[in-house]
Amino acid sequence: DVVLMDIRMPGVDGIEATRRIAADRSLDGVRVVMLTTYQVDEYVFEALRHGAAGFLIKDLEPDELRQAIRTVAAGQGLLAPAVTRSVVEEFARLKAPEAAGARRLAPLTEREREVMALVAAGLSNDGIGKELLMSPLTAKTHVSRAMTKLGVRDRAQLVVLAYETGLVRPGQLRRGLLPGE
């Protein structure tokens, strides 16, 4: 269900191994969590682009690792706090997305875009449900539909896409600043 993958391995590195797992349709249910001592930004971005559902630094406690595995196995994305800061800072440095972002999100309904923005803000299905006055199951359905329409494997890739397309920008994820509000 969940693969703990190291970045540096003999033969094939962890990012290439993750790409191969993500590309193999027979492994669709498998989620990859990168677990490394290296907090190098390009590793984080490459791992997420190639299908990793999470990125953790090896200094976490055993209980934290167990919870992280459960979180990813449940279909959630997961980034170590220091990694999350790096991701947000990098997207803040990127130039504003062009029309390609709007075209990429065109298949989504307005509600699916709202839900995607809340996923990018780190909300769970319960949190999305409370924010948008819907049941957690309805929120999960919207998340699943958005992922299917956009061809992403998990919530982590949905978050990356939300930033890459300009749906959300760093600093925008406070109540009242989400798209359409």
Protein backbone atom coordinates (compact mmCIF):
# COMPACT_ATOMS: atom_id res chain seq x y z
CA ASP A 1 0.00 0.00 0.00
CA VAL A 2 2.75 2.45 0.95
CA VAL A 3 6.39 2.39 -0.14
CA LEU A 4 8.97 4.20 1.98
CA MET A 5 11.52 5.29 -0.61
CA ASP A 6 14.98 6.69 -0.05
CA ILE A 7 16.31 9.31 -2.47
CA ARG A 8 19.77 7.82 -2.81
CA MET A 9 19.93 4.13 -3.58
CA PRO A 10 22.37 2.02 -5.55
CA GLY A 11 21.39 1.40 -9.18
CA VAL A 12 18.17 3.37 -9.54
CA ASP A 13 17.63 6.48 -7.42
CA GLY A 14 14.43 6.93 -5.44
CA ILE A 15 12.95 9.53 -7.78
CA GLU A 16 13.31 7.25 -10.82
CA ALA A 17 11.92 4.31 -8.84
CA THR A 18 8.97 6.49 -7.81
CA ARG A 19 8.38 7.52 -11.43
CA ARG A 20 8.34 3.86 -12.46
CA ILE A 21 5.87 2.93 -9.72
CA ALA A 22 3.58 5.85 -10.64
CA ALA A 23 3.70 4.91 -14.34
CA ASP A 24 2.85 1.25 -13.75
CA ARG A 25 -0.96 0.91 -13.98
CA SER A 26 -0.83 -2.38 -12.08
CA LEU A 27 0.46 -0.38 -9.08
CA ASP A 28 -2.23 2.32 -9.13
CA GLY A 29 -3.08 1.88 -5.45
CA VAL A 30 0.54 2.12 -4.28
CA ARG A 31 1.58 5.39 -2.60
CA VAL A 32 5.21 6.44 -2.27
CA VAL A 33 6.62 8.44 0.61
CA MET A 34 10.13 9.76 0.15
CA LEU A 35 12.06 9.36 3.40
CA THR A 36 15.46 11.01 3.35
CA THR A 37 18.08 12.89 5.31
CA TYR A 38 18.44 15.35 2.42
CA GLN A 39 16.13 18.35 2.49
CA VAL A 40 17.15 19.51 -0.97
CA ASP A 41 14.40 21.42 -2.76
CA GLU A 42 14.97 19.88 -6.18
CA TYR A 43 14.53 16.41 -4.63
CA VAL A 44 11.21 17.48 -3.15
CA PHE A 45 9.86 18.94 -6.39
CA GLU A 46 11.08 16.07 -8.56
CA ALA A 47 9.67 13.48 -6.16
CA LEU A 48 6.24 15.16 -6.13
CA ARG A 49 6.22 15.67 -9.90
CA HIS A 50 7.00 11.99 -10.43
CA GLY A 51 4.24 10.70 -8.18
CA ALA A 52 5.37 10.75 -4.54
CA ALA A 53 2.48 11.20 -2.14
CA GLY A 54 4.72 12.53 0.60
CA PHE A 55 8.18 13.70 1.53
CA LEU A 56 9.56 13.26 5.04
CA ILE A 57 12.89 13.94 6.70
CA LYS A 58 14.38 10.98 8.60
CA ASP A 59 14.56 12.86 11.92
CA LEU A 60 10.91 12.11 12.77
CA GLU A 61 9.90 9.92 15.70
CA PRO A 62 8.61 6.36 15.16
CA ASP A 63 5.05 7.35 16.15
CA GLU A 64 5.15 10.21 13.64
CA LEU A 65 6.31 7.82 10.93
CA ARG A 66 3.50 5.37 11.72
CA GLN A 67 0.94 8.20 11.55
CA ALA A 68 2.45 9.45 8.28
CA ILE A 69 2.13 5.98 6.74
CA ARG A 70 -1.51 5.78 7.85
CA THR A 71 -2.20 9.24 6.44
CA VAL A 72 -0.73 8.39 3.04
CA ALA A 73 -2.42 4.97 2.98
CA ALA A 74 -5.74 6.80 3.48
CA GLY A 75 -5.10 8.75 0.27
CA GLN A 76 -3.80 11.98 1.78
CA GLY A 77 -0.60 13.74 0.76
CA LEU A 78 2.00 14.55 3.37
CA LEU A 79 4.98 16.89 3.57
CA ALA A 80 7.33 17.46 6.48
CA PRO A 81 6.80 21.00 7.89
CA ALA A 82 10.21 22.22 6.72
CA VAL A 83 9.51 20.80 3.27
CA THR A 84 6.13 22.56 3.13
CA ARG A 85 7.87 25.89 3.75
CA SER A 86 10.28 25.19 0.88
CA VAL A 87 7.43 24.30 -1.48
CA VAL A 88 5.49 27.45 -0.65
CA GLU A 89 8.59 29.65 -0.97
CA GLU A 90 9.47 28.14 -4.34
CA PHE A 91 6.00 28.66 -5.74
CA ALA A 92 6.08 32.24 -4.45
CA ARG A 93 9.23 32.82 -6.55
CA LEU A 94 7.66 31.44 -9.71
CA LYS A 95 6.27 33.93 -12.19
CA ALA A 96 2.50 34.12 -12.46
CA PRO A 97 1.09 31.14 -14.34
CA GLU A 98 -0.03 31.81 -17.88
CA ALA A 99 -3.20 30.83 -19.69
CA ALA A 100 -2.01 27.22 -19.67
CA GLY A 101 -3.07 27.03 -16.02
CA ALA A 102 -6.62 28.05 -16.85
CA ARG A 103 -6.76 25.52 -19.68
CA ARG A 104 -5.48 22.78 -17.41
CA LEU A 105 -8.23 23.47 -14.87
CA ALA A 106 -10.98 23.88 -17.50
CA PRO A 107 -12.49 20.41 -16.89
CA LEU A 108 -13.26 21.29 -13.25
CA THR A 109 -16.52 22.70 -11.98
CA GLU A 110 -16.37 25.82 -9.82
CA ARG A 111 -17.06 23.68 -6.73
CA GLU A 112 -14.21 21.31 -7.63
CA ARG A 113 -11.90 24.32 -7.93
CA GLU A 114 -12.98 25.52 -4.48
CA VAL A 115 -12.35 22.06 -3.05
CA MET A 116 -8.95 21.86 -4.78
CA ALA A 117 -7.97 25.21 -3.26
CA LEU A 118 -8.92 23.93 0.20
CA VAL A 119 -6.90 20.75 -0.37
CA ALA A 120 -3.96 23.05 -1.19
CA ALA A 121 -4.62 24.85 2.09
CA GLY A 122 -4.11 21.52 3.85
CA LEU A 123 -7.71 20.80 4.83
CA SER A 124 -8.93 17.24 5.28
CA ASN A 125 -12.25 16.08 3.84
CA ASP A 126 -13.82 16.89 7.22
CA GLY A 127 -12.31 20.40 7.14
CA ILE A 128 -13.44 20.98 3.56
CA GLY A 129 -16.93 19.82 4.50
CA LYS A 130 -17.09 22.26 7.41
CA GLU A 131 -15.73 25.12 5.31
CA LEU A 132 -18.14 24.55 2.40
CA LEU A 133 -21.10 23.28 4.42
CA MET A 134 -21.14 19.79 2.96
CA SER A 135 -20.60 16.30 4.28
CA PRO A 136 -17.07 14.88 4.39
CA LEU A 137 -18.22 12.21 1.92
CA THR A 138 -19.34 14.90 -0.55
CA ALA A 139 -16.00 16.67 -0.10
CA LYS A 140 -14.20 13.38 -0.77
CA THR A 141 -16.28 12.91 -3.94
CA HIS A 142 -15.30 16.39 -5.19
CA VAL A 143 -11.62 15.69 -4.42
CA SER A 144 -11.78 12.35 -6.25
CA ARG A 145 -13.51 13.87 -9.28
CA ALA A 146 -10.95 16.68 -9.49
CA MET A 147 -8.09 14.18 -9.27
CA THR A 148 -9.65 12.03 -12.00
CA LYS A 149 -10.36 14.95 -14.33
CA LEU A 150 -6.83 16.31 -13.89
CA GLY A 151 -5.11 12.92 -14.10
CA VAL A 152 -3.34 13.15 -10.75
CA ARG A 153 -2.77 10.21 -8.43
CA ASP A 154 -3.20 11.79 -5.01
CA ARG A 155 -3.73 14.92 -2.95
CA ALA A 156 -0.05 15.86 -2.98
CA GLN A 157 -0.07 16.12 -6.77
CA LEU A 158 -3.35 18.04 -6.57
CA VAL A 159 -1.65 20.58 -4.28
CA VAL A 160 1.31 20.96 -6.63
CA LEU A 161 -1.07 21.49 -9.55
CA ALA A 162 -3.08 24.07 -7.58
CA TYR A 163 0.08 26.16 -7.22
CA GLU A 164 1.45 25.48 -10.70
CA THR A 165 -1.77 26.59 -12.37
CA GLY A 166 -2.18 29.66 -10.18
CA LEU A 167 -5.41 28.44 -8.59
CA VAL A 168 -3.83 29.40 -5.28
CA ARG A 169 -0.77 31.43 -4.41
CA PRO A 170 1.24 31.57 -1.19
CA GLY A 171 -0.36 33.98 1.25
CA GLN A 172 -3.76 33.57 -0.41
CA LEU A 173 -4.84 30.63 1.71
CA ARG A 174 -6.50 32.58 4.50
CA ARG A 175 -10.25 32.65 4.88
CA GLY A 176 -11.77 35.20 2.51
CA LEU A 177 -8.88 35.04 0.04
CA LEU A 178 -9.66 31.83 -1.78
CA PRO A 179 -10.74 31.98 -5.43
CA GLY A 180 -14.34 33.11 -5.77
CA GLU A 181 -14.57 34.71 -2.33
